[in-house]
ModelCIF file with pLDDT and N, C-alpha, C, O atoms, coordinates in Angstrom:
data_MODEL
#
_entry.id   MODEL 
#
_entity.id                         1 
_entity.type                       polymer 
_entity.pdbx_number_of_molecules   1 
#
_entity_poly.entity_id                      1 
_entity_poly.type                           'polypeptide(L)' 
_entity_poly.nstd_linkage                   no 
_entity_poly.nstd_monomer                   no 
_entity_poly.pdbx_seq_one_letter_code       GGLAQTGGSLRLSCAASGRTFSTYAMGWFRQAPGK 
_entity_poly.pdbx_seq_one_letter_code_can   GGLAQTGGSLRLSCAASGRTFSTYAMGWFRQAPGK 
_entity_poly.pdbx_strand_id                 A 
#
loop_
_entity_poly_seq.entity_id 
_entity_poly_seq.num 
_entity_poly_seq.mon_id 
_entity_poly_seq.hetero 
1 1  GLY n 
1 2  GLY n 
1 3  LEU n 
1 4  ALA n 
1 5  GLN n 
1 6  THR n 
1 7  GLY n 
1 8  GLY n 
1 9  SER n 
1 10 LEU n 
1 11 ARG n 
1 12 LEU n 
1 13 SER n 
1 14 CYS n 
1 15 ALA n 
1 16 ALA n 
1 17 SER n 
1 18 GLY n 
1 19 ARG n 
1 20 THR n 
1 21 PHE n 
1 22 SER n 
1 23 THR n 
1 24 TYR n 
1 25 ALA n 
1 26 MET n 
1 27 GLY n 
1 28 TRP n 
1 29 PHE n 
1 30 ARG n 
1 31 GLN n 
1 32 ALA n 
1 33 PRO n 
1 34 GLY n 
1 35 LYS n 
#
_struct_asym.id          A 
_struct_asym.entity_id   1 
#
loop_
_ma_qa_metric.id 
_ma_qa_metric.mode 
_ma_qa_metric.name 
_ma_qa_metric.software_group_id 
_ma_qa_metric.type 
1 global pLDDT . pLDDT 
2 local  pLDDT . pLDDT 
#
_ma_qa_metric_global.metric_id      1 
_ma_qa_metric_global.metric_value   95.57 
_ma_qa_metric_global.model_id       1 
_ma_qa_metric_global.ordinal_id     1 
#
loop_
_ma_qa_metric_local.label_asym_id 
_ma_qa_metric_local.label_comp_id 
_ma_qa_metric_local.label_seq_id 
_ma_qa_metric_local.metric_id 
_ma_qa_metric_local.metric_value 
_ma_qa_metric_local.model_id 
_ma_qa_metric_local.ordinal_id 
A GLY 1  2 98.00 1 1  
A GLY 2  2 98.00 1 2  
A LEU 3  2 98.00 1 3  
A ALA 4  2 98.00 1 4  
A GLN 5  2 98.00 1 5  
A THR 6  2 98.00 1 6  
A GLY 7  2 98.00 1 7  
A GLY 8  2 98.00 1 8  
A SER 9  2 98.00 1 9  
A LEU 10 2 98.00 1 10 
A ARG 11 2 98.00 1 11 
A LEU 12 2 98.00 1 12 
A SER 13 2 98.00 1 13 
A CYS 14 2 98.00 1 14 
A ALA 15 2 97.00 1 15 
A ALA 16 2 96.00 1 16 
A SER 17 2 94.00 1 17 
A GLY 18 2 87.00 1 18 
A ARG 19 2 83.00 1 19 
A THR 20 2 85.00 1 20 
A PHE 21 2 91.00 1 21 
A SER 22 2 91.00 1 22 
A THR 23 2 94.00 1 23 
A TYR 24 2 95.00 1 24 
A ALA 25 2 97.00 1 25 
A MET 26 2 97.00 1 26 
A GLY 27 2 98.00 1 27 
A TRP 28 2 98.00 1 28 
A PHE 29 2 98.00 1 29 
A ARG 30 2 98.00 1 30 
A GLN 31 2 98.00 1 31 
A ALA 32 2 96.00 1 32 
A PRO 33 2 92.00 1 33 
A GLY 34 2 93.00 1 34 
A LYS 35 2 95.00 1 35 
#
loop_
_atom_site.group_PDB 
_atom_site.id 
_atom_site.type_symbol 
_atom_site.label_atom_id 
_atom_site.label_alt_id 
_atom_site.label_comp_id 
_atom_site.label_asym_id 
_atom_site.label_entity_id 
_atom_site.label_seq_id 
_atom_site.pdbx_PDB_ins_code 
_atom_site.Cartn_x 
_atom_site.Cartn_y 
_atom_site.Cartn_z 
_atom_site.occupancy 
_atom_site.B_iso_or_equiv 
_atom_site.pdbx_formal_charge 
_atom_site.auth_seq_id 
_atom_site.auth_comp_id 
_atom_site.auth_asym_id 
_atom_site.auth_atom_id 
_atom_site.pdbx_PDB_model_num 
ATOM 1   N N  . GLY A 1 1  ? -35.174 89.695  38.539 1.00 98.00 ? 1  GLY A N  1 
ATOM 2   C CA . GLY A 1 1  ? -34.362 88.955  38.723 1.00 98.00 ? 1  GLY A CA 1 
ATOM 3   C C  . GLY A 1 1  ? -34.670 87.776  37.964 1.00 98.00 ? 1  GLY A C  1 
ATOM 4   O O  . GLY A 1 1  ? -35.846 87.413  37.930 1.00 98.00 ? 1  GLY A O  1 
ATOM 5   N N  . GLY A 1 2  ? -33.360 86.802  37.047 1.00 98.00 ? 2  GLY A N  1 
ATOM 6   C CA . GLY A 1 2  ? -34.107 85.818  36.402 1.00 98.00 ? 2  GLY A CA 1 
ATOM 7   C C  . GLY A 1 2  ? -33.050 85.294  35.318 1.00 98.00 ? 2  GLY A C  1 
ATOM 8   O O  . GLY A 1 2  ? -31.859 85.507  35.542 1.00 98.00 ? 2  GLY A O  1 
ATOM 9   N N  . LEU A 1 3  ? -33.325 84.805  34.477 1.00 98.00 ? 3  LEU A N  1 
ATOM 10  C CA . LEU A 1 3  ? -32.549 84.300  33.579 1.00 98.00 ? 3  LEU A CA 1 
ATOM 11  C C  . LEU A 1 3  ? -32.452 84.810  32.217 1.00 98.00 ? 3  LEU A C  1 
ATOM 12  O O  . LEU A 1 3  ? -33.405 84.819  31.439 1.00 98.00 ? 3  LEU A O  1 
ATOM 13  N N  . ALA A 1 4  ? -31.022 85.327  31.883 1.00 98.00 ? 4  ALA A N  1 
ATOM 14  C CA . ALA A 1 4  ? -30.849 86.556  30.628 1.00 98.00 ? 4  ALA A CA 1 
ATOM 15  C C  . ALA A 1 4  ? -29.881 85.481  29.637 1.00 98.00 ? 4  ALA A C  1 
ATOM 16  O O  . ALA A 1 4  ? -29.643 84.357  30.080 1.00 98.00 ? 4  ALA A O  1 
ATOM 17  N N  . GLN A 1 5  ? -29.442 85.822  28.524 1.00 98.00 ? 5  GLN A N  1 
ATOM 18  C CA . GLN A 1 5  ? -28.925 85.269  27.690 1.00 98.00 ? 5  GLN A CA 1 
ATOM 19  C C  . GLN A 1 5  ? -27.920 86.336  27.593 1.00 98.00 ? 5  GLN A C  1 
ATOM 20  O O  . GLN A 1 5  ? -28.333 87.488  27.723 1.00 98.00 ? 5  GLN A O  1 
ATOM 21  N N  . THR A 1 6  ? -26.275 86.081  27.321 1.00 98.00 ? 6  THR A N  1 
ATOM 22  C CA . THR A 1 6  ? -25.499 86.715  27.260 1.00 98.00 ? 6  THR A CA 1 
ATOM 23  C C  . THR A 1 6  ? -25.525 87.959  26.412 1.00 98.00 ? 6  THR A C  1 
ATOM 24  O O  . THR A 1 6  ? -25.731 87.669  25.234 1.00 98.00 ? 6  THR A O  1 
ATOM 25  N N  . GLY A 1 7  ? -25.374 89.326  26.638 1.00 98.00 ? 7  GLY A N  1 
ATOM 26  C CA . GLY A 1 7  ? -25.908 90.431  25.403 1.00 98.00 ? 7  GLY A CA 1 
ATOM 27  C C  . GLY A 1 7  ? -27.169 90.942  25.887 1.00 98.00 ? 7  GLY A C  1 
ATOM 28  O O  . GLY A 1 7  ? -27.340 92.120  25.574 1.00 98.00 ? 7  GLY A O  1 
ATOM 29  N N  . GLY A 1 8  ? -28.126 90.408  26.567 1.00 98.00 ? 8  GLY A N  1 
ATOM 30  C CA . GLY A 1 8  ? -29.475 90.369  26.966 1.00 98.00 ? 8  GLY A CA 1 
ATOM 31  C C  . GLY A 1 8  ? -29.470 91.515  28.142 1.00 98.00 ? 8  GLY A C  1 
ATOM 32  O O  . GLY A 1 8  ? -28.492 91.996  28.715 1.00 98.00 ? 8  GLY A O  1 
ATOM 33  N N  . SER A 1 9  ? -30.788 91.788  28.315 1.00 98.00 ? 9  SER A N  1 
ATOM 34  C CA . SER A 1 9  ? -30.959 92.583  29.094 1.00 98.00 ? 9  SER A CA 1 
ATOM 35  C C  . SER A 1 9  ? -31.994 92.584  30.530 1.00 98.00 ? 9  SER A C  1 
ATOM 36  O O  . SER A 1 9  ? -33.000 91.888  30.389 1.00 98.00 ? 9  SER A O  1 
ATOM 37  N N  . LEU A 1 10 ? -31.884 93.130  31.584 1.00 98.00 ? 10 LEU A N  1 
ATOM 38  C CA . LEU A 1 10 ? -32.819 92.675  32.766 1.00 98.00 ? 10 LEU A CA 1 
ATOM 39  C C  . LEU A 1 10 ? -33.100 94.282  33.146 1.00 98.00 ? 10 LEU A C  1 
ATOM 40  O O  . LEU A 1 10 ? -32.448 95.292  32.879 1.00 98.00 ? 10 LEU A O  1 
ATOM 41  N N  . ARG A 1 11 ? -34.121 94.122  33.747 1.00 98.00 ? 11 ARG A N  1 
ATOM 42  C CA . ARG A 1 11 ? -34.306 95.843  34.780 1.00 98.00 ? 11 ARG A CA 1 
ATOM 43  C C  . ARG A 1 11 ? -34.822 95.244  36.317 1.00 98.00 ? 11 ARG A C  1 
ATOM 44  O O  . ARG A 1 11 ? -35.749 94.492  36.621 1.00 98.00 ? 11 ARG A O  1 
ATOM 45  N N  . LEU A 1 12 ? -33.914 95.849  37.021 1.00 98.00 ? 12 LEU A N  1 
ATOM 46  C CA . LEU A 1 12 ? -33.995 94.747  38.204 1.00 98.00 ? 12 LEU A CA 1 
ATOM 47  C C  . LEU A 1 12 ? -34.875 96.498  39.288 1.00 98.00 ? 12 LEU A C  1 
ATOM 48  O O  . LEU A 1 12 ? -34.686 97.686  39.028 1.00 98.00 ? 12 LEU A O  1 
ATOM 49  N N  . SER A 1 13 ? -35.673 95.945  40.310 1.00 98.00 ? 13 SER A N  1 
ATOM 50  C CA . SER A 1 13 ? -36.421 96.533  40.917 1.00 98.00 ? 13 SER A CA 1 
ATOM 51  C C  . SER A 1 13 ? -36.430 96.764  42.393 1.00 98.00 ? 13 SER A C  1 
ATOM 52  O O  . SER A 1 13 ? -36.377 95.726  43.052 1.00 98.00 ? 13 SER A O  1 
ATOM 53  N N  . CYS A 1 14 ? -36.479 97.771  43.001 1.00 98.00 ? 14 CYS A N  1 
ATOM 54  C CA . CYS A 1 14 ? -36.348 97.786  44.219 1.00 98.00 ? 14 CYS A CA 1 
ATOM 55  C C  . CYS A 1 14 ? -37.629 98.204  45.215 1.00 98.00 ? 14 CYS A C  1 
ATOM 56  O O  . CYS A 1 14 ? -38.068 99.291  44.838 1.00 98.00 ? 14 CYS A O  1 
ATOM 57  N N  . ALA A 1 15 ? -38.204 97.796  46.115 1.00 97.00 ? 15 ALA A N  1 
ATOM 58  C CA . ALA A 1 15 ? -39.185 98.652  46.552 1.00 97.00 ? 15 ALA A CA 1 
ATOM 59  C C  . ALA A 1 15 ? -38.878 98.810  47.868 1.00 97.00 ? 15 ALA A C  1 
ATOM 60  O O  . ALA A 1 15 ? -38.637 97.780  48.498 1.00 97.00 ? 15 ALA A O  1 
ATOM 61  N N  . ALA A 1 16 ? -38.820 100.072 48.548 1.00 96.00 ? 16 ALA A N  1 
ATOM 62  C CA . ALA A 1 16 ? -38.524 100.536 50.056 1.00 96.00 ? 16 ALA A CA 1 
ATOM 63  C C  . ALA A 1 16 ? -39.819 100.824 50.898 1.00 96.00 ? 16 ALA A C  1 
ATOM 64  O O  . ALA A 1 16 ? -40.788 101.554 50.691 1.00 96.00 ? 16 ALA A O  1 
ATOM 65  N N  . SER A 1 17 ? -39.564 100.198 51.659 1.00 94.00 ? 17 SER A N  1 
ATOM 66  C CA . SER A 1 17 ? -41.035 100.547 53.003 1.00 94.00 ? 17 SER A CA 1 
ATOM 67  C C  . SER A 1 17 ? -40.306 100.803 54.512 1.00 94.00 ? 17 SER A C  1 
ATOM 68  O O  . SER A 1 17 ? -39.335 100.215 54.987 1.00 94.00 ? 17 SER A O  1 
ATOM 69  N N  . GLY A 1 18 ? -40.969 101.686 54.985 1.00 87.00 ? 18 GLY A N  1 
ATOM 70  C CA . GLY A 1 18 ? -40.292 101.702 56.507 1.00 87.00 ? 18 GLY A CA 1 
ATOM 71  C C  . GLY A 1 18 ? -39.557 102.809 57.076 1.00 87.00 ? 18 GLY A C  1 
ATOM 72  O O  . GLY A 1 18 ? -39.761 102.940 58.283 1.00 87.00 ? 18 GLY A O  1 
ATOM 73  N N  . ARG A 1 19 ? -38.966 103.428 56.692 1.00 83.00 ? 19 ARG A N  1 
ATOM 74  C CA . ARG A 1 19 ? -38.440 104.872 56.320 1.00 83.00 ? 19 ARG A CA 1 
ATOM 75  C C  . ARG A 1 19 ? -38.341 105.822 54.948 1.00 83.00 ? 19 ARG A C  1 
ATOM 76  O O  . ARG A 1 19 ? -38.395 105.595 53.739 1.00 83.00 ? 19 ARG A O  1 
ATOM 77  N N  . THR A 1 20 ? -38.172 106.967 55.758 1.00 85.00 ? 20 THR A N  1 
ATOM 78  C CA . THR A 1 20 ? -38.369 108.081 55.044 1.00 85.00 ? 20 THR A CA 1 
ATOM 79  C C  . THR A 1 20 ? -37.487 107.568 53.491 1.00 85.00 ? 20 THR A C  1 
ATOM 80  O O  . THR A 1 20 ? -36.474 106.945 53.808 1.00 85.00 ? 20 THR A O  1 
ATOM 81  N N  . PHE A 1 21 ? -37.621 107.668 52.205 1.00 91.00 ? 21 PHE A N  1 
ATOM 82  C CA . PHE A 1 21 ? -37.032 107.423 51.121 1.00 91.00 ? 21 PHE A CA 1 
ATOM 83  C C  . PHE A 1 21 ? -36.151 108.274 50.400 1.00 91.00 ? 21 PHE A C  1 
ATOM 84  O O  . PHE A 1 21 ? -34.990 108.019 50.079 1.00 91.00 ? 21 PHE A O  1 
ATOM 85  N N  . SER A 1 22 ? -37.028 109.665 50.094 1.00 91.00 ? 22 SER A N  1 
ATOM 86  C CA . SER A 1 22 ? -36.273 110.460 49.519 1.00 91.00 ? 22 SER A CA 1 
ATOM 87  C C  . SER A 1 22 ? -34.496 111.132 49.579 1.00 91.00 ? 22 SER A C  1 
ATOM 88  O O  . SER A 1 22 ? -33.530 111.311 48.838 1.00 91.00 ? 22 SER A O  1 
ATOM 89  N N  . THR A 1 23 ? -34.891 111.299 50.893 1.00 94.00 ? 23 THR A N  1 
ATOM 90  C CA . THR A 1 23 ? -33.494 111.595 51.493 1.00 94.00 ? 23 THR A CA 1 
ATOM 91  C C  . THR A 1 23 ? -32.231 110.758 51.538 1.00 94.00 ? 23 THR A C  1 
ATOM 92  O O  . THR A 1 23 ? -31.105 111.173 51.812 1.00 94.00 ? 23 THR A O  1 
ATOM 93  N N  . TYR A 1 24 ? -32.537 109.683 51.268 1.00 95.00 ? 24 TYR A N  1 
ATOM 94  C CA . TYR A 1 24 ? -31.132 108.833 51.599 1.00 95.00 ? 24 TYR A CA 1 
ATOM 95  C C  . TYR A 1 24 ? -30.988 108.457 50.093 1.00 95.00 ? 24 TYR A C  1 
ATOM 96  O O  . TYR A 1 24 ? -31.855 108.242 49.246 1.00 95.00 ? 24 TYR A O  1 
ATOM 97  N N  . ALA A 1 25 ? -29.291 108.439 50.000 1.00 97.00 ? 25 ALA A N  1 
ATOM 98  C CA . ALA A 1 25 ? -28.881 107.636 48.665 1.00 97.00 ? 25 ALA A CA 1 
ATOM 99  C C  . ALA A 1 25 ? -29.468 106.079 48.901 1.00 97.00 ? 25 ALA A C  1 
ATOM 100 O O  . ALA A 1 25 ? -30.007 105.537 49.867 1.00 97.00 ? 25 ALA A O  1 
ATOM 101 N N  . MET A 1 26 ? -29.101 105.616 47.546 1.00 97.00 ? 26 MET A N  1 
ATOM 102 C CA . MET A 1 26 ? -29.501 104.088 47.441 1.00 97.00 ? 26 MET A CA 1 
ATOM 103 C C  . MET A 1 26 ? -28.318 103.303 46.397 1.00 97.00 ? 26 MET A C  1 
ATOM 104 O O  . MET A 1 26 ? -27.854 103.766 45.355 1.00 97.00 ? 26 MET A O  1 
ATOM 105 N N  . GLY A 1 27 ? -28.052 102.173 46.945 1.00 98.00 ? 27 GLY A N  1 
ATOM 106 C CA . GLY A 1 27 ? -27.173 101.595 45.851 1.00 98.00 ? 27 GLY A CA 1 
ATOM 107 C C  . GLY A 1 27 ? -27.761 100.146 45.513 1.00 98.00 ? 27 GLY A C  1 
ATOM 108 O O  . GLY A 1 27 ? -28.820 99.759  46.005 1.00 98.00 ? 27 GLY A O  1 
ATOM 109 N N  . TRP A 1 28 ? -26.991 99.374  44.634 1.00 98.00 ? 28 TRP A N  1 
ATOM 110 C CA . TRP A 1 28 ? -26.749 98.109  43.882 1.00 98.00 ? 28 TRP A CA 1 
ATOM 111 C C  . TRP A 1 28 ? -25.388 97.158  44.118 1.00 98.00 ? 28 TRP A C  1 
ATOM 112 O O  . TRP A 1 28 ? -24.291 97.175  43.559 1.00 98.00 ? 28 TRP A O  1 
ATOM 113 N N  . PHE A 1 29 ? -25.903 96.371  45.127 1.00 98.00 ? 29 PHE A N  1 
ATOM 114 C CA . PHE A 1 29 ? -24.601 95.427  45.397 1.00 98.00 ? 29 PHE A CA 1 
ATOM 115 C C  . PHE A 1 29 ? -24.990 94.083  44.525 1.00 98.00 ? 29 PHE A C  1 
ATOM 116 O O  . PHE A 1 29 ? -26.143 93.993  44.104 1.00 98.00 ? 29 PHE A O  1 
ATOM 117 N N  . ARG A 1 30 ? -24.029 93.029  44.249 1.00 98.00 ? 30 ARG A N  1 
ATOM 118 C CA . ARG A 1 30 ? -24.249 91.756  44.098 1.00 98.00 ? 30 ARG A CA 1 
ATOM 119 C C  . ARG A 1 30 ? -23.274 90.965  44.490 1.00 98.00 ? 30 ARG A C  1 
ATOM 120 O O  . ARG A 1 30 ? -22.125 91.377  44.651 1.00 98.00 ? 30 ARG A O  1 
ATOM 121 N N  . GLN A 1 31 ? -23.591 89.905  44.658 1.00 98.00 ? 31 GLN A N  1 
ATOM 122 C CA . GLN A 1 31 ? -22.761 88.411  45.640 1.00 98.00 ? 31 GLN A CA 1 
ATOM 123 C C  . GLN A 1 31 ? -22.493 87.234  44.732 1.00 98.00 ? 31 GLN A C  1 
ATOM 124 O O  . GLN A 1 31 ? -23.510 86.558  44.580 1.00 98.00 ? 31 GLN A O  1 
ATOM 125 N N  . ALA A 1 32 ? -21.634 86.864  44.204 1.00 96.00 ? 32 ALA A N  1 
ATOM 126 C CA . ALA A 1 32 ? -21.571 85.731  43.647 1.00 96.00 ? 32 ALA A CA 1 
ATOM 127 C C  . ALA A 1 32 ? -20.746 84.700  44.515 1.00 96.00 ? 32 ALA A C  1 
ATOM 128 O O  . ALA A 1 32 ? -19.799 85.134  45.171 1.00 96.00 ? 32 ALA A O  1 
ATOM 129 N N  . PRO A 1 33 ? -21.065 83.334  44.549 1.00 92.00 ? 33 PRO A N  1 
ATOM 130 C CA . PRO A 1 33 ? -20.558 82.435  45.371 1.00 92.00 ? 33 PRO A CA 1 
ATOM 131 C C  . PRO A 1 33 ? -19.094 82.537  45.411 1.00 92.00 ? 33 PRO A C  1 
ATOM 132 O O  . PRO A 1 33 ? -18.381 82.566  44.408 1.00 92.00 ? 33 PRO A O  1 
ATOM 133 N N  . GLY A 1 34 ? -18.650 82.595  46.730 1.00 93.00 ? 34 GLY A N  1 
ATOM 134 C CA . GLY A 1 34 ? -17.186 82.559  46.832 1.00 93.00 ? 34 GLY A CA 1 
ATOM 135 C C  . GLY A 1 34 ? -16.277 84.062  46.825 1.00 93.00 ? 34 GLY A C  1 
ATOM 136 O O  . GLY A 1 34 ? -15.134 84.323  47.201 1.00 93.00 ? 34 GLY A O  1 
ATOM 137 N N  . LYS A 1 35 ? -17.259 84.812  46.272 1.00 95.00 ? 35 LYS A N  1 
ATOM 138 C CA . LYS A 1 35 ? -16.635 86.166  45.973 1.00 95.00 ? 35 LYS A CA 1 
ATOM 139 C C  . LYS A 1 35 ? -17.061 87.109  47.234 1.00 95.00 ? 35 LYS A C  1 
ATOM 140 O O  . LYS A 1 35 ? -16.697 88.285  47.276 1.00 95.00 ? 35 LYS A O  1 
#
C-alpha cells in the first residue's frame, strides 16, 4: 500500500502463514472510514 495518483496502479501482496494455504480460497476486502 501507499500513495498513488488517480489513474495509477498499485500491487498489493499478502503473505500467509500458520495454516495450509493452497486448499483455501483467498480474498481481498477494504474498509474506508465511516463505511
